[in-house]
Amino acid sequence: MKHVRQENKFVEGTAERFYRALLSLYPAEHRESYEIPMLQLFRDIYRHEVNLGGYRSVLKFWAFILKDAAKSIFLEHLKQGVQPMIVVSSFKPGVSAGVGFVLLSIPSYFIGASLLRIDAPGLRYLANPIILLGGLFIAVTLNVLSILSVRFRKDTPSMFDVSLSLRFWNIAVISMALIFLGVLLSYAFVENFQQRSVG
């Protein structure tokens, strides 16, 4: 029982750290006003979802959080008077690439062990979709934001300026993450839809 409680606490702590990373993408003014109440609301709803329906309802919860965050982060940056949307300017491109490669080690370990049919240590925990897909999402997001700059200009007519820096290591992380995503989706498809022997 104690082990289960510690595991739940670890998962909840990881979920909160991930949500804090999402909050860091909001403009500074928005964070100053709303970060603490948003975190508290996140904790309350997350605990309620885990207790109510277990990890299946937590997955639905994360799908909602990611969809809502993507939309509201973009809109908040537009409201802030249209600064260039380099929202991870505190992350240097080299750091983003390094963090991305570390995050990609998780799905590469899982994919390698699964293809070789090895019961590797920790594989059961890494099979969690939140860990696998969350790691890929963070790796892609950090590296996209390191090479992408979006500026909204209030000209007549209003315009978006989008610029993309061609930095090899950041693009390599994004490409590998997309390849891993394709492999994981194919793996899930094959595992769930392969023919089962009858009787």
N, C-alpha and C. Protein backbone atom coordinates (compact mmCIF):
# COMPACT_ATOMS: atom_id res chain seq x y z
N MET A 1 0.83 -1.21 0.00
CA MET A 1 0.00 0.00 0.00
C MET A 1 0.87 1.26 0.00
N LYS A 2 1.93 1.20 0.85
CA LYS A 2 2.85 2.34 0.93
C LYS A 2 3.54 2.56 -0.40
N HIS A 3 3.91 1.43 -1.08
CA HIS A 3 4.58 1.52 -2.39
C HIS A 3 3.66 2.18 -3.42
N VAL A 4 2.37 1.79 -3.41
CA VAL A 4 1.39 2.38 -4.35
C VAL A 4 1.24 3.86 -4.09
N ARG A 5 1.19 4.26 -2.80
CA ARG A 5 1.05 5.68 -2.46
C ARG A 5 2.25 6.48 -2.94
N GLN A 6 3.47 5.90 -2.75
CA GLN A 6 4.68 6.59 -3.20
C GLN A 6 4.70 6.72 -4.73
N GLU A 7 4.27 5.66 -5.41
CA GLU A 7 4.23 5.70 -6.88
C GLU A 7 3.24 6.76 -7.36
N ASN A 8 2.05 6.83 -6.72
CA ASN A 8 1.06 7.84 -7.08
C ASN A 8 1.60 9.25 -6.85
N LYS A 9 2.33 9.42 -5.74
CA LYS A 9 2.91 10.73 -5.43
C LYS A 9 3.94 11.13 -6.48
N PHE A 10 4.75 10.14 -6.91
CA PHE A 10 5.77 10.40 -7.93
C PHE A 10 5.11 10.80 -9.25
N VAL A 11 4.06 10.05 -9.65
CA VAL A 11 3.36 10.35 -10.91
C VAL A 11 2.71 11.73 -10.83
N GLU A 12 2.09 12.04 -9.68
CA GLU A 12 1.45 13.35 -9.52
C GLU A 12 2.48 14.47 -9.58
N GLY A 13 3.65 14.25 -8.94
CA GLY A 13 4.72 15.25 -8.99
C GLY A 13 5.22 15.47 -10.40
N THR A 14 5.37 14.38 -11.16
CA THR A 14 5.81 14.48 -12.56
C THR A 14 4.78 15.24 -13.39
N ALA A 15 3.50 14.94 -13.15
CA ALA A 15 2.42 15.64 -13.88
C ALA A 15 2.45 17.13 -13.57
N GLU A 16 2.67 17.47 -12.30
CA GLU A 16 2.70 18.89 -11.94
C GLU A 16 3.90 19.60 -12.55
N ARG A 17 5.07 18.93 -12.59
CA ARG A 17 6.25 19.55 -13.22
C ARG A 17 6.00 19.80 -14.70
N PHE A 18 5.35 18.84 -15.36
CA PHE A 18 5.02 19.01 -16.77
C PHE A 18 4.06 20.18 -16.97
N TYR A 19 3.07 20.30 -16.08
CA TYR A 19 2.12 21.40 -16.18
C TYR A 19 2.81 22.74 -15.93
N ARG A 20 3.76 22.78 -14.98
CA ARG A 20 4.54 24.00 -14.73
C ARG A 20 5.31 24.40 -15.99
N ALA A 21 5.86 23.39 -16.70
CA ALA A 21 6.57 23.68 -17.95
C ALA A 21 5.62 24.30 -18.97
N LEU A 22 4.38 23.79 -19.04
CA LEU A 22 3.39 24.39 -19.94
C LEU A 22 3.09 25.83 -19.53
N LEU A 23 2.95 26.07 -18.22
CA LEU A 23 2.65 27.43 -17.74
C LEU A 23 3.78 28.40 -18.07
N SER A 24 5.01 27.90 -18.13
CA SER A 24 6.14 28.79 -18.44
C SER A 24 6.07 29.33 -19.87
N LEU A 25 5.22 28.72 -20.71
CA LEU A 25 5.08 29.19 -22.09
C LEU A 25 4.12 30.38 -22.20
N TYR A 26 3.36 30.65 -21.13
CA TYR A 26 2.47 31.82 -21.13
C TYR A 26 3.31 33.09 -20.98
N PRO A 27 2.79 34.24 -21.42
CA PRO A 27 3.51 35.51 -21.22
C PRO A 27 3.70 35.79 -19.73
N ALA A 28 4.75 36.54 -19.40
CA ALA A 28 5.12 36.81 -17.99
C ALA A 28 3.97 37.47 -17.23
N GLU A 29 3.29 38.44 -17.85
CA GLU A 29 2.20 39.14 -17.16
C GLU A 29 1.07 38.18 -16.79
N HIS A 30 0.76 37.28 -17.68
CA HIS A 30 -0.31 36.31 -17.42
C HIS A 30 0.11 35.37 -16.28
N ARG A 31 1.38 34.94 -16.29
CA ARG A 31 1.85 34.05 -15.23
C ARG A 31 1.80 34.72 -13.87
N GLU A 32 2.20 36.00 -13.81
CA GLU A 32 2.19 36.72 -12.52
C GLU A 32 0.78 36.76 -11.93
N SER A 33 -0.22 36.92 -12.78
CA SER A 33 -1.60 37.04 -12.30
C SER A 33 -2.25 35.70 -12.01
N TYR A 34 -1.95 34.67 -12.82
CA TYR A 34 -2.77 33.47 -12.79
C TYR A 34 -2.03 32.17 -12.47
N GLU A 35 -0.70 32.18 -12.37
CA GLU A 35 0.02 30.92 -12.24
C GLU A 35 -0.38 30.13 -10.99
N ILE A 36 -0.45 30.81 -9.83
CA ILE A 36 -0.75 30.10 -8.58
C ILE A 36 -2.17 29.51 -8.60
N PRO A 37 -3.22 30.30 -8.95
CA PRO A 37 -4.54 29.67 -9.01
C PRO A 37 -4.66 28.57 -10.07
N MET A 38 -3.95 28.72 -11.19
CA MET A 38 -4.00 27.67 -12.22
C MET A 38 -3.37 26.38 -11.72
N LEU A 39 -2.25 26.51 -10.99
CA LEU A 39 -1.60 25.33 -10.42
C LEU A 39 -2.49 24.63 -9.41
N GLN A 40 -3.15 25.43 -8.55
CA GLN A 40 -4.02 24.85 -7.53
C GLN A 40 -5.21 24.13 -8.17
N LEU A 41 -5.78 24.77 -9.19
CA LEU A 41 -6.90 24.14 -9.91
C LEU A 41 -6.45 22.84 -10.58
N PHE A 42 -5.23 22.87 -11.17
CA PHE A 42 -4.68 21.67 -11.80
C PHE A 42 -4.56 20.54 -10.79
N ARG A 43 -3.98 20.84 -9.60
CA ARG A 43 -3.80 19.81 -8.57
C ARG A 43 -5.15 19.20 -8.16
N ASP A 44 -6.13 20.08 -7.93
CA ASP A 44 -7.45 19.61 -7.47
C ASP A 44 -8.10 18.71 -8.51
N ILE A 45 -8.11 19.17 -9.77
CA ILE A 45 -8.77 18.39 -10.83
C ILE A 45 -8.01 17.10 -11.09
N TYR A 46 -6.67 17.16 -11.08
CA TYR A 46 -5.87 15.95 -11.34
C TYR A 46 -6.16 14.89 -10.29
N ARG A 47 -6.16 15.27 -9.01
CA ARG A 47 -6.44 14.31 -7.93
C ARG A 47 -7.85 13.74 -8.07
N HIS A 48 -8.79 14.61 -8.42
CA HIS A 48 -10.18 14.16 -8.59
C HIS A 48 -10.28 13.14 -9.72
N GLU A 49 -9.60 13.41 -10.84
CA GLU A 49 -9.65 12.51 -11.99
C GLU A 49 -9.01 11.16 -11.67
N VAL A 50 -7.87 11.17 -10.94
CA VAL A 50 -7.20 9.91 -10.58
C VAL A 50 -8.10 9.09 -9.66
N ASN A 51 -8.68 9.74 -8.65
CA ASN A 51 -9.53 9.02 -7.70
C ASN A 51 -10.84 8.55 -8.35
N LEU A 52 -11.35 9.34 -9.29
CA LEU A 52 -12.64 9.02 -9.90
C LEU A 52 -12.54 7.87 -10.90
N GLY A 53 -11.62 8.00 -11.86
CA GLY A 53 -11.63 7.02 -12.94
C GLY A 53 -10.28 6.41 -13.24
N GLY A 54 -9.28 6.64 -12.41
CA GLY A 54 -7.97 6.05 -12.66
C GLY A 54 -7.28 6.69 -13.85
N TYR A 55 -6.33 5.95 -14.41
CA TYR A 55 -5.47 6.53 -15.43
C TYR A 55 -6.16 6.77 -16.77
N ARG A 56 -7.25 6.05 -17.03
CA ARG A 56 -7.97 6.30 -18.28
C ARG A 56 -8.56 7.70 -18.31
N SER A 57 -9.15 8.12 -17.19
CA SER A 57 -9.72 9.47 -17.14
C SER A 57 -8.61 10.51 -17.08
N VAL A 58 -7.43 10.13 -16.54
CA VAL A 58 -6.29 11.05 -16.53
C VAL A 58 -5.83 11.33 -17.96
N LEU A 59 -5.86 10.30 -18.83
CA LEU A 59 -5.47 10.51 -20.23
C LEU A 59 -6.42 11.50 -20.92
N LYS A 60 -7.72 11.36 -20.65
CA LYS A 60 -8.69 12.31 -21.22
C LYS A 60 -8.42 13.71 -20.68
N PHE A 61 -8.09 13.78 -19.40
CA PHE A 61 -7.78 15.05 -18.75
C PHE A 61 -6.59 15.71 -19.44
N TRP A 62 -5.51 14.93 -19.70
CA TRP A 62 -4.32 15.49 -20.36
C TRP A 62 -4.62 15.93 -21.79
N ALA A 63 -5.45 15.18 -22.47
CA ALA A 63 -5.82 15.58 -23.84
C ALA A 63 -6.50 16.95 -23.81
N PHE A 64 -7.39 17.15 -22.83
CA PHE A 64 -8.06 18.45 -22.69
C PHE A 64 -7.06 19.54 -22.34
N ILE A 65 -6.15 19.26 -21.38
CA ILE A 65 -5.16 20.26 -20.93
C ILE A 65 -4.28 20.71 -22.09
N LEU A 66 -3.77 19.75 -22.88
CA LEU A 66 -2.86 20.09 -23.98
C LEU A 66 -3.58 20.90 -25.06
N LYS A 67 -4.81 20.51 -25.36
CA LYS A 67 -5.59 21.24 -26.37
C LYS A 67 -5.87 22.67 -25.90
N ASP A 68 -6.30 22.80 -24.64
CA ASP A 68 -6.62 24.11 -24.09
C ASP A 68 -5.37 24.98 -23.99
N ALA A 69 -4.25 24.39 -23.55
CA ALA A 69 -3.01 25.17 -23.39
C ALA A 69 -2.51 25.69 -24.74
N ALA A 70 -2.54 24.83 -25.76
CA ALA A 70 -2.06 25.26 -27.08
C ALA A 70 -2.85 26.47 -27.57
N LYS A 71 -4.17 26.44 -27.39
CA LYS A 71 -5.01 27.55 -27.85
C LYS A 71 -4.80 28.80 -27.00
N SER A 72 -4.84 28.64 -25.67
CA SER A 72 -4.80 29.82 -24.81
C SER A 72 -3.42 30.47 -24.78
N ILE A 73 -2.34 29.68 -24.89
CA ILE A 73 -0.98 30.26 -24.92
C ILE A 73 -0.85 31.16 -26.14
N PHE A 74 -1.31 30.67 -27.28
CA PHE A 74 -1.24 31.45 -28.52
C PHE A 74 -2.04 32.75 -28.38
N LEU A 75 -3.28 32.64 -27.87
CA LEU A 75 -4.14 33.83 -27.74
C LEU A 75 -3.57 34.83 -26.75
N GLU A 76 -2.99 34.35 -25.64
CA GLU A 76 -2.41 35.26 -24.65
C GLU A 76 -1.22 36.02 -25.22
N HIS A 77 -0.43 35.36 -26.04
CA HIS A 77 0.71 36.07 -26.66
C HIS A 77 0.21 37.12 -27.64
N LEU A 78 -0.88 36.84 -28.34
CA LEU A 78 -1.44 37.85 -29.24
C LEU A 78 -1.95 39.06 -28.46
N LYS A 79 -2.57 38.79 -27.28
CA LYS A 79 -3.12 39.89 -26.48
C LYS A 79 -2.04 40.79 -25.90
N GLN A 80 -0.84 40.25 -25.70
CA GLN A 80 0.20 40.98 -25.00
C GLN A 80 0.87 42.04 -25.86
N GLY A 81 0.28 42.37 -26.96
CA GLY A 81 0.84 43.43 -27.76
C GLY A 81 1.89 42.96 -28.70
N VAL A 82 1.82 41.70 -29.02
CA VAL A 82 2.50 41.23 -30.17
C VAL A 82 3.99 41.37 -30.16
N GLN A 83 4.54 40.81 -29.14
CA GLN A 83 5.99 40.65 -29.11
C GLN A 83 6.34 39.44 -29.95
N PRO A 84 7.61 39.34 -30.40
CA PRO A 84 7.97 38.11 -31.09
C PRO A 84 7.73 36.93 -30.15
N MET A 85 7.13 35.90 -30.69
CA MET A 85 6.73 34.80 -29.82
C MET A 85 7.85 33.79 -29.64
N ILE A 86 9.00 34.28 -29.20
CA ILE A 86 10.07 33.35 -28.86
C ILE A 86 9.89 33.08 -27.38
N VAL A 87 8.97 32.17 -27.05
CA VAL A 87 8.53 32.04 -25.67
C VAL A 87 9.47 31.21 -24.82
N VAL A 88 10.46 30.58 -25.41
CA VAL A 88 11.46 29.90 -24.60
C VAL A 88 12.81 30.56 -24.82
N SER A 89 12.81 31.89 -24.81
CA SER A 89 14.05 32.60 -25.07
C SER A 89 15.09 32.31 -24.00
N SER A 90 14.64 31.86 -22.80
CA SER A 90 15.59 31.51 -21.76
C SER A 90 16.32 30.21 -22.10
N PHE A 91 15.77 29.41 -23.03
CA PHE A 91 16.42 28.19 -23.49
C PHE A 91 17.24 28.50 -24.74
N LYS A 92 18.51 28.21 -24.66
CA LYS A 92 19.33 28.35 -25.87
C LYS A 92 19.04 27.16 -26.77
N PRO A 93 19.18 27.33 -28.09
CA PRO A 93 18.92 26.21 -29.00
C PRO A 93 19.71 24.95 -28.66
N GLY A 94 20.97 25.13 -28.25
CA GLY A 94 21.80 23.97 -27.89
C GLY A 94 21.25 23.24 -26.67
N VAL A 95 20.75 24.01 -25.70
CA VAL A 95 20.16 23.40 -24.49
C VAL A 95 18.88 22.65 -24.87
N SER A 96 18.04 23.28 -25.71
CA SER A 96 16.81 22.62 -26.16
C SER A 96 17.10 21.31 -26.87
N ALA A 97 18.13 21.31 -27.72
CA ALA A 97 18.50 20.08 -28.42
C ALA A 97 18.98 19.03 -27.43
N GLY A 98 19.81 19.44 -26.45
CA GLY A 98 20.31 18.49 -25.45
C GLY A 98 19.19 17.88 -24.63
N VAL A 99 18.26 18.72 -24.15
CA VAL A 99 17.11 18.23 -23.39
C VAL A 99 16.27 17.30 -24.28
N GLY A 100 16.11 17.69 -25.55
CA GLY A 100 15.33 16.86 -26.48
C GLY A 100 15.93 15.48 -26.65
N PHE A 101 17.26 15.39 -26.80
CA PHE A 101 17.91 14.08 -26.96
C PHE A 101 17.76 13.23 -25.70
N VAL A 102 17.83 13.87 -24.53
CA VAL A 102 17.63 13.12 -23.28
C VAL A 102 16.22 12.57 -23.23
N LEU A 103 15.23 13.40 -23.59
CA LEU A 103 13.83 12.95 -23.59
C LEU A 103 13.60 11.83 -24.61
N LEU A 104 14.30 11.90 -25.74
CA LEU A 104 14.13 10.87 -26.78
C LEU A 104 14.73 9.54 -26.37
N SER A 105 15.60 9.55 -25.35
CA SER A 105 16.18 8.28 -24.90
C SER A 105 15.10 7.36 -24.32
N ILE A 106 14.02 7.94 -23.78
CA ILE A 106 12.95 7.12 -23.18
C ILE A 106 12.23 6.30 -24.25
N PRO A 107 11.67 6.95 -25.31
CA PRO A 107 11.01 6.12 -26.33
C PRO A 107 11.98 5.21 -27.08
N SER A 108 13.25 5.63 -27.25
CA SER A 108 14.20 4.78 -27.97
C SER A 108 14.49 3.51 -27.16
N TYR A 109 14.59 3.66 -25.83
CA TYR A 109 14.79 2.50 -24.94
C TYR A 109 13.59 1.56 -25.02
N PHE A 110 12.38 2.14 -24.97
CA PHE A 110 11.15 1.35 -25.02
C PHE A 110 11.03 0.63 -26.37
N ILE A 111 11.27 1.36 -27.47
CA ILE A 111 11.14 0.77 -28.80
C ILE A 111 12.17 -0.33 -29.00
N GLY A 112 13.43 -0.06 -28.59
CA GLY A 112 14.49 -1.06 -28.73
C GLY A 112 14.18 -2.33 -27.97
N ALA A 113 13.77 -2.19 -26.70
CA ALA A 113 13.46 -3.36 -25.88
C ALA A 113 12.25 -4.10 -26.43
N SER A 114 11.25 -3.37 -26.95
CA SER A 114 10.05 -4.02 -27.49
C SER A 114 10.37 -4.78 -28.77
N LEU A 115 11.18 -4.19 -29.65
CA LEU A 115 11.54 -4.86 -30.90
C LEU A 115 12.36 -6.12 -30.64
N LEU A 116 13.24 -6.07 -29.64
CA LEU A 116 14.09 -7.22 -29.31
C LEU A 116 13.38 -8.21 -28.39
N ARG A 117 12.14 -7.86 -27.97
CA ARG A 117 11.35 -8.70 -27.06
C ARG A 117 12.11 -9.00 -25.77
N ILE A 118 12.77 -7.97 -25.24
CA ILE A 118 13.52 -8.09 -23.99
C ILE A 118 12.67 -7.49 -22.87
N ASP A 119 12.59 -8.19 -21.74
CA ASP A 119 11.89 -7.65 -20.58
C ASP A 119 12.88 -6.79 -19.80
N ALA A 120 13.17 -5.60 -20.34
CA ALA A 120 14.20 -4.72 -19.76
C ALA A 120 13.70 -4.06 -18.49
N PRO A 121 14.63 -3.69 -17.59
CA PRO A 121 14.23 -3.03 -16.34
C PRO A 121 13.47 -1.72 -16.60
N GLY A 122 12.38 -1.53 -15.88
CA GLY A 122 11.62 -0.29 -15.99
C GLY A 122 10.71 -0.20 -17.20
N LEU A 123 10.67 -1.25 -18.02
CA LEU A 123 9.89 -1.19 -19.26
C LEU A 123 8.40 -1.03 -18.97
N ARG A 124 7.94 -1.65 -17.88
CA ARG A 124 6.52 -1.57 -17.53
C ARG A 124 6.11 -0.12 -17.26
N TYR A 125 6.99 0.65 -16.58
CA TYR A 125 6.67 2.05 -16.28
C TYR A 125 6.76 2.92 -17.54
N LEU A 126 7.70 2.60 -18.42
CA LEU A 126 7.88 3.41 -19.63
C LEU A 126 6.76 3.18 -20.64
N ALA A 127 6.02 2.08 -20.48
CA ALA A 127 4.91 1.81 -21.41
C ALA A 127 3.73 2.75 -21.18
N ASN A 128 3.79 3.56 -20.15
CA ASN A 128 2.73 4.53 -19.85
C ASN A 128 2.67 5.57 -20.97
N PRO A 129 1.51 5.74 -21.63
CA PRO A 129 1.40 6.71 -22.74
C PRO A 129 1.74 8.14 -22.33
N ILE A 130 1.46 8.50 -21.06
CA ILE A 130 1.78 9.86 -20.61
C ILE A 130 3.29 10.09 -20.67
N ILE A 131 4.07 9.09 -20.25
CA ILE A 131 5.53 9.23 -20.25
C ILE A 131 6.06 9.26 -21.68
N LEU A 132 5.61 8.29 -22.50
CA LEU A 132 6.12 8.21 -23.87
C LEU A 132 5.73 9.42 -24.71
N LEU A 133 4.42 9.69 -24.76
CA LEU A 133 3.95 10.79 -25.61
C LEU A 133 4.28 12.15 -25.00
N GLY A 134 4.25 12.23 -23.66
CA GLY A 134 4.61 13.49 -23.00
C GLY A 134 6.05 13.88 -23.29
N GLY A 135 6.97 12.89 -23.24
CA GLY A 135 8.38 13.16 -23.55
C GLY A 135 8.56 13.63 -24.98
N LEU A 136 7.86 12.97 -25.91
CA LEU A 136 7.95 13.39 -27.32
C LEU A 136 7.38 14.79 -27.51
N PHE A 137 6.25 15.07 -26.85
CA PHE A 137 5.62 16.39 -26.96
C PHE A 137 6.55 17.50 -26.46
N ILE A 138 7.17 17.28 -25.29
CA ILE A 138 8.07 18.29 -24.72
C ILE A 138 9.29 18.48 -25.61
N ALA A 139 9.87 17.37 -26.11
CA ALA A 139 11.05 17.47 -26.97
C ALA A 139 10.74 18.27 -28.23
N VAL A 140 9.60 17.97 -28.86
CA VAL A 140 9.22 18.69 -30.09
C VAL A 140 8.93 20.16 -29.78
N THR A 141 8.16 20.41 -28.71
CA THR A 141 7.78 21.79 -28.37
C THR A 141 8.99 22.66 -28.09
N LEU A 142 9.92 22.17 -27.24
CA LEU A 142 11.11 22.95 -26.92
C LEU A 142 11.91 23.29 -28.16
N ASN A 143 12.06 22.32 -29.05
CA ASN A 143 12.91 22.54 -30.22
C ASN A 143 12.22 23.35 -31.30
N VAL A 144 10.90 23.19 -31.43
CA VAL A 144 10.17 24.04 -32.39
C VAL A 144 10.24 25.49 -31.94
N LEU A 145 10.05 25.72 -30.63
CA LEU A 145 10.08 27.10 -30.13
C LEU A 145 11.48 27.71 -30.18
N SER A 146 12.50 26.85 -30.24
CA SER A 146 13.88 27.36 -30.36
C SER A 146 14.21 27.82 -31.77
N ILE A 147 13.50 27.26 -32.76
CA ILE A 147 13.83 27.62 -34.14
C ILE A 147 12.75 28.46 -34.82
N LEU A 148 11.58 28.58 -34.15
CA LEU A 148 10.46 29.29 -34.77
C LEU A 148 10.22 30.62 -34.07
N SER A 149 10.06 31.66 -34.85
CA SER A 149 9.72 32.97 -34.30
C SER A 149 8.50 33.49 -35.05
N VAL A 150 7.49 33.89 -34.28
CA VAL A 150 6.26 34.41 -34.89
C VAL A 150 6.03 35.82 -34.37
N ARG A 151 5.81 36.75 -35.25
CA ARG A 151 5.54 38.13 -34.86
C ARG A 151 4.25 38.59 -35.54
N PHE A 152 3.36 39.17 -34.74
CA PHE A 152 2.10 39.69 -35.26
C PHE A 152 2.25 41.21 -35.41
N ARG A 153 2.00 41.71 -36.62
CA ARG A 153 2.14 43.15 -36.86
C ARG A 153 0.77 43.77 -37.10
N LYS A 154 0.53 44.86 -36.38
CA LYS A 154 -0.77 45.54 -36.52
C LYS A 154 -0.70 46.56 -37.65
N ASP A 155 -0.35 46.08 -38.81
CA ASP A 155 -0.37 46.95 -39.98
C ASP A 155 -1.80 46.95 -40.54
N THR A 156 -1.95 47.58 -41.69
CA THR A 156 -3.23 47.47 -42.38
C THR A 156 -2.94 46.83 -43.73
N PRO A 157 -3.32 45.61 -43.97
CA PRO A 157 -3.98 44.67 -43.05
C PRO A 157 -2.97 44.08 -42.06
N SER A 158 -3.49 43.49 -40.96
CA SER A 158 -2.64 42.84 -39.97
C SER A 158 -1.90 41.67 -40.60
N MET A 159 -0.67 41.44 -40.13
CA MET A 159 0.16 40.40 -40.75
C MET A 159 0.88 39.59 -39.70
N PHE A 160 1.15 38.33 -40.05
CA PHE A 160 2.03 37.47 -39.26
C PHE A 160 3.35 37.37 -39.99
N ASP A 161 4.44 37.56 -39.27
CA ASP A 161 5.76 37.25 -39.81
C ASP A 161 6.24 35.97 -39.13
N VAL A 162 6.55 34.97 -39.91
CA VAL A 162 7.05 33.71 -39.37
C VAL A 162 8.45 33.48 -39.90
N SER A 163 9.40 33.26 -38.98
CA SER A 163 10.75 32.95 -39.43
C SER A 163 11.22 31.66 -38.77
N LEU A 164 11.99 30.91 -39.53
CA LEU A 164 12.45 29.60 -39.09
C LEU A 164 13.97 29.56 -39.20
N SER A 165 14.63 29.29 -38.08
CA SER A 165 16.10 29.17 -38.09
C SER A 165 16.46 27.72 -38.37
N LEU A 166 17.32 27.49 -39.33
CA LEU A 166 17.69 26.12 -39.68
C LEU A 166 18.88 25.69 -38.82
N ARG A 167 18.56 25.21 -37.62
CA ARG A 167 19.59 24.72 -36.69
C ARG A 167 19.54 23.20 -36.72
N PHE A 168 20.66 22.60 -37.12
CA PHE A 168 20.70 21.16 -37.41
C PHE A 168 20.22 20.31 -36.25
N TRP A 169 20.76 20.53 -35.04
CA TRP A 169 20.45 19.64 -33.92
C TRP A 169 18.99 19.75 -33.48
N ASN A 170 18.44 20.96 -33.53
CA ASN A 170 17.03 21.12 -33.17
C ASN A 170 16.13 20.42 -34.18
N ILE A 171 16.47 20.56 -35.47
CA ILE A 171 15.69 19.89 -36.51
C ILE A 171 15.84 18.37 -36.40
N ALA A 172 17.05 17.91 -36.01
CA ALA A 172 17.28 16.47 -35.84
C ALA A 172 16.39 15.91 -34.73
N VAL A 173 16.28 16.65 -33.60
CA VAL A 173 15.43 16.20 -32.50
C VAL A 173 13.97 16.12 -32.95
N ILE A 174 13.50 17.17 -33.65
CA ILE A 174 12.11 17.18 -34.12
C ILE A 174 11.85 16.01 -35.07
N SER A 175 12.78 15.76 -35.99
CA SER A 175 12.62 14.67 -36.96
C SER A 175 12.59 13.32 -36.26
N MET A 176 13.53 13.11 -35.31
CA MET A 176 13.58 11.83 -34.59
C MET A 176 12.31 11.63 -33.76
N ALA A 177 11.82 12.71 -33.14
CA ALA A 177 10.60 12.60 -32.32
C ALA A 177 9.41 12.19 -33.20
N LEU A 178 9.31 12.77 -34.41
CA LEU A 178 8.21 12.42 -35.31
C LEU A 178 8.33 10.97 -35.80
N ILE A 179 9.58 10.52 -36.05
CA ILE A 179 9.80 9.13 -36.44
C ILE A 179 9.38 8.19 -35.31
N PHE A 180 9.81 8.52 -34.07
CA PHE A 180 9.44 7.70 -32.92
C PHE A 180 7.92 7.66 -32.73
N LEU A 181 7.27 8.81 -32.95
CA LEU A 181 5.81 8.85 -32.83
C LEU A 181 5.17 7.90 -33.84
N GLY A 182 5.67 7.92 -35.08
CA GLY A 182 5.15 7.00 -36.10
C GLY A 182 5.37 5.55 -35.72
N VAL A 183 6.56 5.23 -35.18
CA VAL A 183 6.85 3.85 -34.77
C VAL A 183 5.93 3.42 -33.63
N LEU A 184 5.73 4.32 -32.63
CA LEU A 184 4.87 3.99 -31.49
C LEU A 184 3.41 3.78 -31.93
N LEU A 185 2.94 4.63 -32.84
CA LEU A 185 1.57 4.47 -33.33
C LEU A 185 1.42 3.17 -34.12
N SER A 186 2.44 2.83 -34.92
CA SER A 186 2.41 1.56 -35.67
C SER A 186 2.43 0.38 -34.71
N TYR A 187 3.27 0.48 -33.68
CA TYR A 187 3.37 -0.58 -32.67
C TYR A 187 2.03 -0.78 -31.97
N ALA A 188 1.39 0.34 -31.58
CA ALA A 188 0.08 0.25 -30.91
C ALA A 188 -0.96 -0.36 -31.84
N PHE A 189 -0.92 0.02 -33.12
CA PHE A 189 -1.87 -0.53 -34.09
C PHE A 189 -1.68 -2.04 -34.25
N VAL A 190 -0.42 -2.47 -34.42
CA VAL A 190 -0.13 -3.89 -34.62
C VAL A 190 -0.53 -4.69 -33.38
N GLU A 191 -0.18 -4.17 -32.18
CA GLU A 191 -0.49 -4.89 -30.94
C GLU A 191 -2.00 -5.02 -30.71
N ASN A 192 -2.75 -4.00 -31.09
CA ASN A 192 -4.18 -4.01 -30.82
C ASN A 192 -5.02 -4.68 -31.90
N PHE A 193 -4.49 -4.73 -33.13
CA PHE A 193 -5.32 -5.24 -34.23
C PHE A 193 -4.78 -6.48 -34.90
N GLN A 194 -3.72 -7.09 -34.33
CA GLN A 194 -3.25 -8.33 -34.94
C GLN A 194 -4.25 -9.45 -34.70
N GLN A 195 -4.27 -10.43 -35.58
CA GLN A 195 -5.25 -11.52 -35.49
C GLN A 195 -4.93 -12.37 -34.26
N ARG A 196 -5.97 -12.66 -33.50
CA ARG A 196 -5.81 -13.50 -32.32
C ARG A 196 -6.24 -14.91 -32.69
N SER A 197 -5.49 -15.89 -32.21
CA SER A 197 -5.88 -17.28 -32.50
C SER A 197 -7.10 -17.65 -31.67
N VAL A 198 -8.07 -18.29 -32.31
CA VAL A 198 -9.33 -18.65 -31.64
C VAL A 198 -9.20 -20.07 -31.10
N GLY A 199 -9.67 -20.22 -29.85
CA GLY A 199 -9.73 -21.54 -29.23
C GLY A 199 -8.37 -22.06 -28.87
